[in-house]
Amino acid sequence: MRKILAVDDDNDILDVIRIILEDEGYEVATLTNGRNIIDSITNIRPDLILLDVMLSGMDGREICRTIKENLSLNPIPIIMISASHNLQNFKALPGPPNGFIPKPFDIDKFVHVVNGHFAA
C-alpha cells in the first residue's frame, strides 16, 4: 500500500484529504506543522508528500526546498497545496515541487493529480 504524508495546519483539511485518499486505497499520515518534518519523513517513509504552502509560522516552500536538498529524501514527490499561490511562483524556486493543487480543490482533480504520481 502506498503511503502519503499530508502536512497542513488545518485539521479539517487534513481530515478531508485523509478520507478521500483512504477511499482510494492509500495509507495516509498527517502532520499539522512542519517542525521536525525530516524526522517524520524518515520514520513514515511516504511515497508522496502533500504540503500546504502556508503553515502556522512556517513557509511550506522552504520546507519543500529543505526536503529537495536532502539527497536521501529528494526522490519523494511533493505536491504543494495552496489557496493563495499558483504554480508559476514555484517553478523558479530551487528544489521546486513536483505538482500543485489549488485550494479549494475539486475532489476528482485532486485524486487525478495524486494518482498521476503513481502511474507508471
PDB file of N, CA and C in Angstrom:
ATOM      1  N   MET A   1       0.848  -1.181   0.000  1.00  0.00           N
ATOM      2  CA  MET A   1       0.000   0.000   0.000  1.00  0.00           C
ATOM      3  C   MET A   1       0.894   1.245   0.000  1.00  0.00           C
ATOM      4  N   ARG A   2       0.584   2.180  -0.857  1.00  0.00           N
ATOM      5  CA  ARG A   2       1.359   3.421  -0.947  1.00  0.00           C
ATOM      6  C   ARG A   2       1.009   4.352   0.217  1.00  0.00           C
ATOM      7  N   LYS A   3       2.053   5.012   0.733  1.00  0.00           N
ATOM      8  CA  LYS A   3       1.875   5.928   1.866  1.00  0.00           C
ATOM      9  C   LYS A   3       1.971   7.369   1.399  1.00  0.00           C
ATOM     10  N   ILE A   4       1.076   8.186   1.932  1.00  0.00           N
ATOM     11  CA  ILE A   4       1.089   9.611   1.639  1.00  0.00           C
ATOM     12  C   ILE A   4       1.156  10.372   2.958  1.00  0.00           C
ATOM     13  N   LEU A   5       2.032  11.363   3.006  1.00  0.00           N
ATOM     14  CA  LEU A   5       2.123  12.254   4.156  1.00  0.00           C
ATOM     15  C   LEU A   5       1.488  13.576   3.767  1.00  0.00           C
ATOM     16  N   ALA A   6       0.453  13.982   4.501  1.00  0.00           N
ATOM     17  CA  ALA A   6      -0.217  15.268   4.261  1.00  0.00           C
ATOM     18  C   ALA A   6       0.139  16.219   5.400  1.00  0.00           C
ATOM     19  N   VAL A   7       0.603  17.418   5.038  1.00  0.00           N
ATOM     20  CA  VAL A   7       1.014  18.417   6.025  1.00  0.00           C
ATOM     21  C   VAL A   7       0.193  19.684   5.799  1.00  0.00           C
ATOM     22  N   ASP A   8      -0.645  20.007   6.794  1.00  0.00           N
ATOM     23  CA  ASP A   8      -1.489  21.205   6.720  1.00  0.00           C
ATOM     24  C   ASP A   8      -1.825  21.601   8.144  1.00  0.00           C
ATOM     25  N   ASP A   9      -1.909  22.906   8.420  1.00  0.00           N
ATOM     26  CA  ASP A   9      -2.228  23.332   9.783  1.00  0.00           C
ATOM     27  C   ASP A   9      -3.729  23.376  10.047  1.00  0.00           C
ATOM     28  N   ASP A  10      -4.531  22.993   9.067  1.00  0.00           N
ATOM     29  CA  ASP A  10      -5.986  22.950   9.215  1.00  0.00           C
ATOM     30  C   ASP A  10      -6.425  21.487   9.349  1.00  0.00           C
ATOM     31  N   ASN A  11      -6.849  21.112  10.552  1.00  0.00           N
ATOM     32  CA  ASN A  11      -7.248  19.722  10.797  1.00  0.00           C
ATOM     33  C   ASN A  11      -8.417  19.286   9.924  1.00  0.00           C
ATOM     34  N   ASP A  12      -9.337  20.207   9.612  1.00  0.00           N
ATOM     35  CA  ASP A  12     -10.462  19.853   8.751  1.00  0.00           C
ATOM     36  C   ASP A  12      -9.988  19.470   7.355  1.00  0.00           C
ATOM     37  N   ILE A  13      -9.030  20.215   6.828  1.00  0.00           N
ATOM     38  CA  ILE A  13      -8.466  19.886   5.511  1.00  0.00           C
ATOM     39  C   ILE A  13      -7.776  18.527   5.573  1.00  0.00           C
ATOM     40  N   LEU A  14      -7.012  18.294   6.634  1.00  0.00           N
ATOM     41  CA  LEU A  14      -6.329  17.004   6.775  1.00  0.00           C
ATOM     42  C   LEU A  14      -7.332  15.862   6.845  1.00  0.00           C
ATOM     43  N   ASP A  15      -8.442  16.056   7.549  1.00  0.00           N
ATOM     44  CA  ASP A  15      -9.468  15.011   7.628  1.00  0.00           C
ATOM     45  C   ASP A  15     -10.050  14.709   6.253  1.00  0.00           C
ATOM     46  N   VAL A  16     -10.338  15.762   5.482  1.00  0.00           N
ATOM     47  CA  VAL A  16     -10.891  15.567   4.134  1.00  0.00           C
ATOM     48  C   VAL A  16      -9.882  14.825   3.259  1.00  0.00           C
ATOM     49  N   ILE A  17      -8.633  15.261   3.278  1.00  0.00           N
ATOM     50  CA  ILE A  17      -7.589  14.606   2.487  1.00  0.00           C
ATOM     51  C   ILE A  17      -7.460  13.141   2.882  1.00  0.00           C
ATOM     52  N   ARG A  18      -7.421  12.884   4.180  1.00  0.00           N
ATOM     53  CA  ARG A  18      -7.275  11.510   4.665  1.00  0.00           C
ATOM     54  C   ARG A  18      -8.429  10.630   4.185  1.00  0.00           C
ATOM     55  N   ILE A  19      -9.658  11.116   4.329  1.00  0.00           N
ATOM     56  CA  ILE A  19     -10.833  10.340   3.929  1.00  0.00           C
ATOM     57  C   ILE A  19     -10.808  10.053   2.425  1.00  0.00           C
ATOM     58  N   ILE A  20     -10.540  11.086   1.629  1.00  0.00           N
ATOM     59  CA  ILE A  20     -10.510  10.916   0.169  1.00  0.00           C
ATOM     60  C   ILE A  20      -9.456   9.885  -0.227  1.00  0.00           C
ATOM     61  N   LEU A  21      -8.256  10.034   0.304  1.00  0.00           N
ATOM     62  CA  LEU A  21      -7.159   9.176  -0.116  1.00  0.00           C
ATOM     63  C   LEU A  21      -7.266   7.756   0.449  1.00  0.00           C
ATOM     64  N   GLU A  22      -7.791   7.612   1.652  1.00  0.00           N
ATOM     65  CA  GLU A  22      -8.003   6.265   2.174  1.00  0.00           C
ATOM     66  C   GLU A  22      -9.055   5.538   1.342  1.00  0.00           C
ATOM     67  N   ASP A  23     -10.070   6.256   0.869  1.00  0.00           N
ATOM     68  CA  ASP A  23     -11.066   5.659  -0.027  1.00  0.00           C
ATOM     69  C   ASP A  23     -10.437   5.204  -1.340  1.00  0.00           C
ATOM     70  N   GLU A  24      -9.329   5.841  -1.719  1.00  0.00           N
ATOM     71  CA  GLU A  24      -8.611   5.464  -2.937  1.00  0.00           C
ATOM     72  C   GLU A  24      -7.611   4.331  -2.680  1.00  0.00           C
ATOM     73  N   GLY A  25      -7.497   3.908  -1.423  1.00  0.00           N
ATOM     74  CA  GLY A  25      -6.617   2.790  -1.102  1.00  0.00           C
ATOM     75  C   GLY A  25      -5.233   3.169  -0.603  1.00  0.00           C
ATOM     76  N   TYR A  26      -5.023   4.439  -0.295  1.00  0.00           N
ATOM     77  CA  TYR A  26      -3.734   4.870   0.224  1.00  0.00           C
ATOM     78  C   TYR A  26      -3.710   4.822   1.745  1.00  0.00           C
ATOM     79  N   GLU A  27      -2.517   4.654   2.296  1.00  0.00           N
ATOM     80  CA  GLU A  27      -2.301   4.827   3.727  1.00  0.00           C
ATOM     81  C   GLU A  27      -1.893   6.284   3.911  1.00  0.00           C
ATOM     82  N   VAL A  28      -2.554   6.993   4.829  1.00  0.00           N
ATOM     83  CA  VAL A  28      -2.318   8.422   4.974  1.00  0.00           C
ATOM     84  C   VAL A  28      -1.867   8.760   6.386  1.00  0.00           C
ATOM     85  N   ALA A  29      -0.742   9.465   6.466  1.00  0.00           N
ATOM     86  CA  ALA A  29      -0.267  10.018   7.733  1.00  0.00           C
ATOM     87  C   ALA A  29      -0.412  11.529   7.628  1.00  0.00           C
ATOM     88  N   THR A  30      -0.681  12.197   8.752  1.00  0.00           N
ATOM     89  CA  THR A  30      -0.870  13.641   8.722  1.00  0.00           C
ATOM     90  C   THR A  30       0.003  14.335   9.766  1.00  0.00           C
ATOM     91  N   LEU A  31       0.375  15.562   9.430  1.00  0.00           N
ATOM     92  CA  LEU A  31       1.098  16.438  10.353  1.00  0.00           C
ATOM     93  C   LEU A  31       0.435  17.806  10.292  1.00  0.00           C
ATOM     94  N   THR A  32       0.348  18.481  11.438  1.00  0.00           N
ATOM     95  CA  THR A  32      -0.260  19.807  11.468  1.00  0.00           C
ATOM     96  C   THR A  32       0.770  20.933  11.411  1.00  0.00           C
ATOM     97  N   ASN A  33       2.045  20.586  11.325  1.00  0.00           N
ATOM     98  CA  ASN A  33       3.088  21.602  11.187  1.00  0.00           C
ATOM     99  C   ASN A  33       4.323  20.967  10.561  1.00  0.00           C
ATOM    100  N   GLY A  34       5.270  21.817  10.193  1.00  0.00           N
ATOM    101  CA  GLY A  34       6.472  21.334   9.538  1.00  0.00           C
ATOM    102  C   GLY A  34       7.658  21.114  10.454  1.00  0.00           C
ATOM    103  N   ARG A  35       7.452  21.331  11.745  1.00  0.00           N
ATOM    104  CA  ARG A  35       8.551  21.115  12.686  1.00  0.00           C
ATOM    105  C   ARG A  35       8.938  19.634  12.691  1.00  0.00           C
ATOM    106  N   ASN A  36      10.211  19.383  12.689  1.00  0.00           N
ATOM    107  CA  ASN A  36      10.738  18.013  12.702  1.00  0.00           C
ATOM    108  C   ASN A  36      10.249  17.185  11.521  1.00  0.00           C
ATOM    109  N   ILE A  37       9.968  17.849  10.391  1.00  0.00           N
ATOM    110  CA  ILE A  37       9.414  17.122   9.254  1.00  0.00           C
ATOM    111  C   ILE A  37      10.403  16.099   8.684  1.00  0.00           C
ATOM    112  N   ILE A  38      11.687  16.401   8.722  1.00  0.00           N
ATOM    113  CA  ILE A  38      12.666  15.448   8.194  1.00  0.00           C
ATOM    114  C   ILE A  38      12.620  14.157   8.999  1.00  0.00           C
ATOM    115  N   ASP A  39      12.546  14.269  10.324  1.00  0.00           N
ATOM    116  CA  ASP A  39      12.422  13.073  11.167  1.00  0.00           C
ATOM    117  C   ASP A  39      11.129  12.330  10.865  1.00  0.00           C
ATOM    118  N   SER A  40      10.048  13.078  10.690  1.00  0.00           N
ATOM    119  CA  SER A  40       8.758  12.447  10.394  1.00  0.00           C
ATOM    120  C   SER A  40       8.804  11.707   9.065  1.00  0.00           C
ATOM    121  N   ILE A  41       9.400  12.319   8.045  1.00  0.00           N
ATOM    122  CA  ILE A  41       9.506  11.671   6.741  1.00  0.00           C
ATOM    123  C   ILE A  41      10.351  10.410   6.855  1.00  0.00           C
ATOM    124  N   THR A  42      11.448  10.496   7.590  1.00  0.00           N
ATOM    125  CA  THR A  42      12.317   9.339   7.768  1.00  0.00           C
ATOM    126  C   THR A  42      11.577   8.196   8.456  1.00  0.00           C
ATOM    127  N   ASN A  43      10.749   8.518   9.438  1.00  0.00           N
ATOM    128  CA  ASN A  43      10.003   7.487  10.163  1.00  0.00           C
ATOM    129  C   ASN A  43       8.829   6.934   9.357  1.00  0.00           C
ATOM    130  N   ILE A  44       8.110   7.804   8.680  1.00  0.00           N
ATOM    131  CA  ILE A  44       6.913   7.401   7.943  1.00  0.00           C
ATOM    132  C   ILE A  44       7.264   6.767   6.602  1.00  0.00           C
ATOM    133  N   ARG A  45       8.308   7.271   5.961  1.00  0.00           N
ATOM    134  CA  ARG A  45       8.753   6.810   4.650  1.00  0.00           C
ATOM    135  C   ARG A  45       7.636   6.886   3.611  1.00  0.00           C
ATOM    136  N   PRO A  46       7.095   8.098   3.401  1.00  0.00           N
ATOM    137  CA  PRO A  46       5.992   8.240   2.450  1.00  0.00           C
ATOM    138  C   PRO A  46       6.452   8.099   1.000  1.00  0.00           C
ATOM    139  N   ASP A  47       5.510   7.715   0.146  1.00  0.00           N
ATOM    140  CA  ASP A  47       5.759   7.639  -1.290  1.00  0.00           C
ATOM    141  C   ASP A  47       5.430   8.970  -1.968  1.00  0.00           C
ATOM    142  N   LEU A  48       4.714   9.844  -1.243  1.00  0.00           N
ATOM    143  CA  LEU A  48       4.306  11.145  -1.759  1.00  0.00           C
ATOM    144  C   LEU A  48       4.030  12.062  -0.572  1.00  0.00           C
ATOM    145  N   ILE A  49       4.349  13.351  -0.724  1.00  0.00           N
ATOM    146  CA  ILE A  49       4.076  14.339   0.316  1.00  0.00           C
ATOM    147  C   ILE A  49       3.145  15.401  -0.245  1.00  0.00           C
ATOM    148  N   LEU A  50       2.061  15.680   0.467  1.00  0.00           N
ATOM    149  CA  LEU A  50       1.160  16.788   0.158  1.00  0.00           C
ATOM    150  C   LEU A  50       1.474  17.873   1.181  1.00  0.00           C
ATOM    151  N   LEU A  51       1.892  19.030   0.728  1.00  0.00           N
ATOM    152  CA  LEU A  51       2.425  20.052   1.629  1.00  0.00           C
ATOM    153  C   LEU A  51       1.749  21.397   1.396  1.00  0.00           C
ATOM    154  N   ASP A  52       1.112  21.918   2.438  1.00  0.00           N
ATOM    155  CA  ASP A  52       0.481  23.225   2.356  1.00  0.00           C
ATOM    156  C   ASP A  52       1.557  24.307   2.306  1.00  0.00           C
ATOM    157  N   VAL A  53       1.292  25.362   1.556  1.00  0.00           N
ATOM    158  CA  VAL A  53       2.252  26.461   1.449  1.00  0.00           C
ATOM    159  C   VAL A  53       2.281  27.293   2.728  1.00  0.00           C
ATOM    160  N   MET A  54       1.112  27.620   3.251  1.00  0.00           N
ATOM    161  CA  MET A  54       1.024  28.500   4.409  1.00  0.00           C
ATOM    162  C   MET A  54       0.755  27.686   5.670  1.00  0.00           C
ATOM    163  N   LEU A  55       1.803  27.362   6.392  1.00  0.00           N
ATOM    164  CA  LEU A  55       1.685  26.654   7.664  1.00  0.00           C
ATOM    165  C   LEU A  55       1.886  27.665   8.785  1.00  0.00           C
ATOM    166  N   SER A  56       1.270  27.449   9.908  1.00  0.00           N
ATOM    167  CA  SER A  56       1.410  28.371  11.044  1.00  0.00           C
ATOM    168  C   SER A  56       2.872  28.604  11.379  1.00  0.00           C
ATOM    169  N   GLY A  57       3.330  29.818  11.133  1.00  0.00           N
ATOM    170  CA  GLY A  57       4.688  30.184  11.486  1.00  0.00           C
ATOM    171  C   GLY A  57       5.766  29.598  10.594  1.00  0.00           C
ATOM    172  N   MET A  58       5.377  28.911   9.525  1.00  0.00           N
ATOM    173  CA  MET A  58       6.363  28.281   8.644  1.00  0.00           C
ATOM    174  C   MET A  58       5.942  28.471   7.192  1.00  0.00           C
ATOM    175  N   ASP A  59       6.911  28.413   6.309  1.00  0.00           N
ATOM    176  CA  ASP A  59       6.663  28.545   4.885  1.00  0.00           C
ATOM    177  C   ASP A  59       6.870  27.179   4.235  1.00  0.00           C
ATOM    178  N   GLY A  60       5.816  26.633   3.666  1.00  0.00           N
ATOM    179  CA  GLY A  60       5.895  25.325   3.023  1.00  0.00           C
ATOM    180  C   GLY A  60       6.897  25.277   1.884  1.00  0.00           C
ATOM    181  N   ARG A  61       7.124  26.420   1.228  1.00  0.00           N
ATOM    182  CA  ARG A  61       8.109  26.460   0.146  1.00  0.00           C
ATOM    183  C   ARG A  61       9.511  26.203   0.685  1.00  0.00           C
ATOM    184  N   GLU A  62       9.813  26.742   1.862  1.00  0.00           N
ATOM    185  CA  GLU A  62      11.120  26.493   2.487  1.00  0.00           C
ATOM    186  C   GLU A  62      11.243  25.031   2.919  1.00  0.00           C
ATOM    187  N   ILE A  63      10.151  24.478   3.424  1.00  0.00           N
ATOM    188  CA  ILE A  63      10.157  23.059   3.808  1.00  0.00           C
ATOM    189  C   ILE A  63      10.393  22.197   2.571  1.00  0.00           C
ATOM    190  N   CYS A  64       9.716  22.540   1.472  1.00  0.00           N
ATOM    191  CA  CYS A  64       9.902  21.811   0.213  1.00  0.00           C
ATOM    192  C   CYS A  64      11.369  21.861  -0.209  1.00  0.00           C
ATOM    193  N   ARG A  65      11.960  23.048  -0.158  1.00  0.00           N
ATOM    194  CA  ARG A  65      13.364  23.206  -0.541  1.00  0.00           C
ATOM    195  C   ARG A  65      14.270  22.344   0.346  1.00  0.00           C
ATOM    196  N   THR A  66      14.007  22.344   1.652  1.00  0.00           N
ATOM    197  CA  THR A  66      14.812  21.538   2.577  1.00  0.00           C
ATOM    198  C   THR A  66      14.741  20.061   2.224  1.00  0.00           C
ATOM    199  N   ILE A  67      13.543  19.592   1.915  1.00  0.00           N
ATOM    200  CA  ILE A  67      13.366  18.177   1.554  1.00  0.00           C
ATOM    201  C   ILE A  67      14.093  17.878   0.241  1.00  0.00           C
ATOM    202  N   LYS A  68      13.932  18.753  -0.749  1.00  0.00           N
ATOM    203  CA  LYS A  68      14.541  18.523  -2.060  1.00  0.00           C
ATOM    204  C   LYS A  68      16.063  18.604  -2.015  1.00  0.00           C
ATOM    205  N   GLU A  69      16.611  19.349  -1.044  1.00  0.00           N
ATOM    206  CA  GLU A  69      18.071  19.445  -0.911  1.00  0.00           C
ATOM    207  C   GLU A  69      18.665  18.253  -0.178  1.00  0.00           C
ATOM    208  N   ASN A  70      17.822  17.441   0.445  1.00  0.00           N
ATOM    209  CA  ASN A  70      18.276  16.253   1.162  1.00  0.00           C
ATOM    210  C   ASN A  70      18.328  15.094   0.162  1.00  0.00           C
ATOM    211  N   LEU A  71      19.503  14.623  -0.163  1.00  0.00           N
ATOM    212  CA  LEU A  71      19.658  13.620  -1.211  1.00  0.00           C
ATOM    213  C   LEU A  71      18.872  12.333  -0.951  1.00  0.00           C
ATOM    214  N   SER A  72      18.731  11.943   0.305  1.00  0.00           N
ATOM    215  CA  SER A  72      18.003  10.712   0.580  1.00  0.00           C
ATOM    216  C   SER A  72      16.485  10.900   0.475  1.00  0.00           C
ATOM    217  N   LEU A  73      16.003  12.147   0.601  1.00  0.00           N
ATOM    218  CA  LEU A  73      14.568  12.420   0.528  1.00  0.00           C
ATOM    219  C   LEU A  73      14.148  13.007  -0.813  1.00  0.00           C
ATOM    220  N   ASN A  74      15.105  13.510  -1.581  1.00  0.00           N
ATOM    221  CA  ASN A  74      14.827  14.184  -2.840  1.00  0.00           C
ATOM    222  C   ASN A  74      13.927  13.400  -3.793  1.00  0.00           C
ATOM    223  N   PRO A  75      14.048  12.087  -3.878  1.00  0.00           N
ATOM    224  CA  PRO A  75      13.193  11.353  -4.826  1.00  0.00           C
ATOM    225  C   PRO A  75      11.695  11.345  -4.469  1.00  0.00           C
ATOM    226  N   ILE A  76      11.339  11.695  -3.247  1.00  0.00           N
ATOM    227  CA  ILE A  76       9.931  11.674  -2.850  1.00  0.00           C
ATOM    228  C   ILE A  76       9.224  12.854  -3.517  1.00  0.00           C
ATOM    229  N   PRO A  77       8.190  12.583  -4.325  1.00  0.00           N
ATOM    230  CA  PRO A  77       7.470  13.688  -4.952  1.00  0.00           C
ATOM    231  C   PRO A  77       6.725  14.521  -3.905  1.00  0.00           C
ATOM    232  N   ILE A  78       6.701  15.835  -4.150  1.00  0.00           N
ATOM    233  CA  ILE A  78       5.990  16.767  -3.274  1.00  0.00           C
ATOM    234  C   ILE A  78       4.966  17.520  -4.110  1.00  0.00           C
ATOM    235  N   ILE A  79       3.732  17.508  -3.654  1.00  0.00           N
ATOM    236  CA  ILE A  79       2.676  18.300  -4.269  1.00  0.00           C
ATOM    237  C   ILE A  79       2.317  19.401  -3.275  1.00  0.00           C
ATOM    238  N   MET A  80       2.479  20.645  -3.706  1.00  0.00           N
ATOM    239  CA  MET A  80       2.131  21.784  -2.863  1.00  0.00           C
ATOM    240  C   MET A  80       0.635  22.066  -2.995  1.00  0.00           C
ATOM    241  N   ILE A  81       0.033  22.485  -1.888  1.00  0.00           N
ATOM    242  CA  ILE A  81      -1.383  22.828  -1.857  1.00  0.00           C
ATOM    243  C   ILE A  81      -1.491  24.249  -1.310  1.00  0.00           C
ATOM    244  N   SER A  82      -2.262  25.097  -2.015  1.00  0.00           N
ATOM    245  CA  SER A  82      -2.368  26.473  -1.553  1.00  0.00           C
ATOM    246  C   SER A  82      -3.622  27.158  -2.068  1.00  0.00           C
ATOM    247  N   ALA A  83      -4.154  28.037  -1.236  1.00  0.00           N
ATOM    248  CA  ALA A  83      -5.295  28.856  -1.634  1.00  0.00           C
ATOM    249  C   ALA A  83      -4.833  30.181  -2.231  1.00  0.00           C
ATOM    250  N   SER A  84      -3.589  30.558  -2.008  1.00  0.00           N
ATOM    251  CA  SER A  84      -3.183  31.911  -2.383  1.00  0.00           C
ATOM    252  C   SER A  84      -1.996  31.986  -3.330  1.00  0.00           C
ATOM    253  N   HIS A  85      -1.599  30.885  -3.888  1.00  0.00           N
ATOM    254  CA  HIS A  85      -0.441  30.892  -4.772  1.00  0.00           C
ATOM    255  C   HIS A  85      -0.755  30.117  -6.042  1.00  0.00           C
ATOM    256  N   ASN A  86       0.074  30.284  -7.048  1.00  0.00           N
ATOM    257  CA  ASN A  86      -0.089  29.483  -8.251  1.00  0.00           C
ATOM    258  C   ASN A  86       1.225  28.806  -8.605  1.00  0.00           C
ATOM    259  N   LEU A  87       1.152  27.837  -9.487  1.00  0.00           N
ATOM    260  CA  LEU A  87       2.303  27.009  -9.822  1.00  0.00           C
ATOM    261  C   LEU A  87       3.461  27.819 -10.375  1.00  0.00           C
ATOM    262  N   GLN A  88       3.189  28.879 -11.104  1.00  0.00           N
ATOM    263  CA  GLN A  88       4.268  29.671 -11.694  1.00  0.00           C
ATOM    264  C   GLN A  88       5.218  30.201 -10.617  1.00  0.00           C
ATOM    265  N   ASN A  89       4.700  30.515  -9.445  1.00  0.00           N
ATOM    266  CA  ASN A  89       5.540  31.024  -8.362  1.00  0.00           C
ATOM    267  C   ASN A  89       6.537  29.984  -7.866  1.00  0.00           C
ATOM    268  N   PHE A  90       6.264  28.711  -8.119  1.00  0.00           N
ATOM    269  CA  PHE A  90       7.108  27.644  -7.579  1.00  0.00           C
ATOM    270  C   PHE A  90       8.151  27.149  -8.564  1.00  0.00           C
ATOM    271  N   LYS A  91       7.927  27.340  -9.847  1.00  0.00           N
ATOM    272  CA  LYS A  91       8.848  26.801 -10.840  1.00  0.00           C
ATOM    273  C   LYS A  91      10.234  27.433 -10.743  1.00  0.00           C
ATOM    274  N   ALA A  92      10.321  28.663 -10.260  1.00  0.00           N
ATOM    275  CA  ALA A  92      11.606  29.349 -10.168  1.00  0.00           C
ATOM    276  C   ALA A  92      12.366  29.000  -8.889  1.00  0.00           C
ATOM    277  N   LEU A  93      11.722  28.333  -7.961  1.00  0.00           N
ATOM    278  CA  LEU A  93      12.381  28.011  -6.696  1.00  0.00           C
ATOM    279  C   LEU A  93      13.410  26.902  -6.870  1.00  0.00           C
ATOM    280  N   PRO A  94      14.495  26.951  -6.093  1.00  0.00           N
ATOM    281  CA  PRO A  94      15.396  25.796  -6.081  1.00  0.00           C
ATOM    282  C   PRO A  94      14.655  24.639  -5.433  1.00  0.00           C
ATOM    283  N   GLY A  95      14.747  23.487  -6.019  1.00  0.00           N
ATOM    284  CA  GLY A  95      14.035  22.337  -5.467  1.00  0.00           C
ATOM    285  C   GLY A  95      12.542  22.520  -5.564  1.00  0.00           C
ATOM    286  N   PRO A  96      12.020  22.815  -6.782  1.00  0.00           N
ATOM    287  CA  PRO A  96      10.585  23.060  -6.898  1.00  0.00           C
ATOM    288  C   PRO A  96       9.778  21.791  -6.616  1.00  0.00           C
ATOM    289  N   PRO A  97       8.512  21.966  -6.261  1.00  0.00           N
ATOM    290  CA  PRO A  97       7.658  20.802  -6.034  1.00  0.00           C
ATOM    291  C   PRO A  97       7.374  20.079  -7.343  1.00  0.00           C
ATOM    292  N   ASN A  98       6.843  18.882  -7.226  1.00  0.00           N
ATOM    293  CA  ASN A  98       6.523  18.070  -8.398  1.00  0.00           C
ATOM    294  C   ASN A  98       5.121  18.349  -8.927  1.00  0.00           C
ATOM    295  N   GLY A  99       4.332  19.096  -8.165  1.00  0.00           N
ATOM    296  CA  GLY A  99       2.985  19.400  -8.600  1.00  0.00           C
ATOM    297  C   GLY A  99       2.361  20.440  -7.691  1.00  0.00           C
ATOM    298  N   PHE A 100       1.175  20.876  -8.081  1.00  0.00           N
ATOM    299  CA  PHE A 100       0.487  21.922  -7.341  1.00  0.00           C
ATOM    300  C   PHE A 100      -1.014  21.670  -7.412  1.00  0.00           C
ATOM    301  N   ILE A 101      -1.697  21.827  -6.283  1.00  0.00           N
ATOM    302  CA  ILE A 101      -3.150  21.716  -6.226  1.00  0.00           C
ATOM    303  C   ILE A 101      -3.672  22.981  -5.539  1.00  0.00           C
ATOM    304  N   PRO A 102      -4.527  23.754  -6.243  1.00  0.00           N
ATOM    305  CA  PRO A 102      -5.096  24.946  -5.614  1.00  0.00           C
ATOM    306  C   PRO A 102      -6.227  24.586  -4.658  1.00  0.00           C
ATOM    307  N   LYS A 103      -6.356  25.388  -3.594  1.00  0.00           N
ATOM    308  CA  LYS A 103      -7.497  25.253  -2.684  1.00  0.00           C
ATOM    309  C   LYS A 103      -8.511  26.318  -3.059  1.00  0.00           C
ATOM    310  N   PRO A 104      -9.789  26.063  -2.941  1.00  0.00           N
ATOM    311  CA  PRO A 104     -10.358  24.750  -2.628  1.00  0.00           C
ATOM    312  C   PRO A 104     -10.186  23.836  -3.832  1.00  0.00           C
ATOM    313  N   PHE A 105     -10.015  22.550  -3.567  1.00  0.00           N
ATOM    314  CA  PHE A 105      -9.764  21.636  -4.668  1.00  0.00           C
ATOM    315  C   PHE A 105     -11.010  20.820  -5.005  1.00  0.00           C
ATOM    316  N   ASP A 106     -11.115  20.517  -6.287  1.00  0.00           N
ATOM    317  CA  ASP A 106     -12.134  19.611  -6.784  1.00  0.00           C
ATOM    318  C   ASP A 106     -11.657  18.197  -6.449  1.00  0.00           C
ATOM    319  N   ILE A 107     -12.498  17.398  -5.833  1.00  0.00           N
ATOM    320  CA  ILE A 107     -12.090  16.071  -5.367  1.00  0.00           C
ATOM    321  C   ILE A 107     -11.589  15.204  -6.517  1.00  0.00           C
ATOM    322  N   ASP A 108     -12.294  15.200  -7.645  1.00  0.00           N
ATOM    323  CA  ASP A 108     -11.869  14.369  -8.771  1.00  0.00           C
ATOM    324  C   ASP A 108     -10.504  14.803  -9.308  1.00  0.00           C
ATOM    325  N   LYS A 109     -10.283  16.109  -9.424  1.00  0.00           N
ATOM    326  CA  LYS A 109      -8.995  16.608  -9.899  1.00  0.00           C
ATOM    327  C   LYS A 109      -7.889  16.297  -8.887  1.00  0.00           C
ATOM    328  N   PHE A 110      -8.213  16.440  -7.607  1.00  0.00           N
ATOM    329  CA  PHE A 110      -7.261  16.137  -6.540  1.00  0.00           C
ATOM    330  C   PHE A 110      -6.802  14.676  -6.650  1.00  0.00           C
ATOM    331  N   VAL A 111      -7.761  13.779  -6.753  1.00  0.00           N
ATOM    332  CA  VAL A 111      -7.453  12.346  -6.862  1.00  0.00           C
ATOM    333  C   VAL A 111      -6.650  12.077  -8.139  1.00  0.00           C
ATOM    334  N   HIS A 112      -7.023  12.740  -9.222  1.00  0.00           N
ATOM    335  CA  HIS A 112      -6.325  12.554 -10.503  1.00  0.00           C
ATOM    336  C   HIS A 112      -4.854  12.958 -10.376  1.00  0.00           C
ATOM    337  N   VAL A 113      -4.589  14.095  -9.738  1.00  0.00           N
ATOM    338  CA  VAL A 113      -3.207  14.564  -9.573  1.00  0.00           C
ATOM    339  C   VAL A 113      -2.414  13.590  -8.697  1.00  0.00           C
ATOM    340  N   VAL A 114      -3.002  13.158  -7.586  1.00  0.00           N
ATOM    341  CA  VAL A 114      -2.310  12.226  -6.692  1.00  0.00           C
ATOM    342  C   VAL A 114      -2.044  10.897  -7.411  1.00  0.00           C
ATOM    343  N   ASN A 115      -3.077  10.335  -8.023  1.00  0.00           N
ATOM    344  CA  ASN A 115      -2.913   9.061  -8.734  1.00  0.00           C
ATOM    345  C   ASN A 115      -1.893   9.159  -9.861  1.00  0.00           C
ATOM    346  N   GLY A 116      -1.819  10.341 -10.491  1.00  0.00           N
ATOM    347  CA  GLY A 116      -0.881  10.557 -11.582  1.00  0.00           C
ATOM    348  C   GLY A 116       0.561  10.386 -11.172  1.00  0.00           C
ATOM    349  N   HIS A 117       0.875  10.613  -9.917  1.00  0.00           N
ATOM    350  CA  HIS A 117       2.250  10.458  -9.449  1.00  0.00           C
ATOM    351  C   HIS A 117       2.635   8.996  -9.244  1.00  0.00           C
ATOM    352  N   PHE A 118       1.638   8.112  -9.289  1.00  0.00           N
ATOM    353  CA  PHE A 118       1.918   6.692  -9.112  1.00  0.00           C
ATOM    354  C   PHE A 118       1.713   5.901 -10.394  1.00  0.00           C
ATOM    355  N   ALA A 119       1.229   6.569 -11.445  1.00  0.00           N
ATOM    356  CA  ALA A 119       1.032   5.882 -12.732  1.00  0.00           C
ATOM    357  C   ALA A 119       2.396   5.618 -13.356  1.00  0.00           C
ATOM    358  N   ALA A 120       2.561   4.415 -13.843  1.00  0.00           N
ATOM    359  CA  ALA A 120       3.860   4.098 -14.475  1.00  0.00           C
ATOM    360  C   ALA A 120       3.652   3.254 -15.713  1.00  0.00           C
TER     361      ALA A 120
END
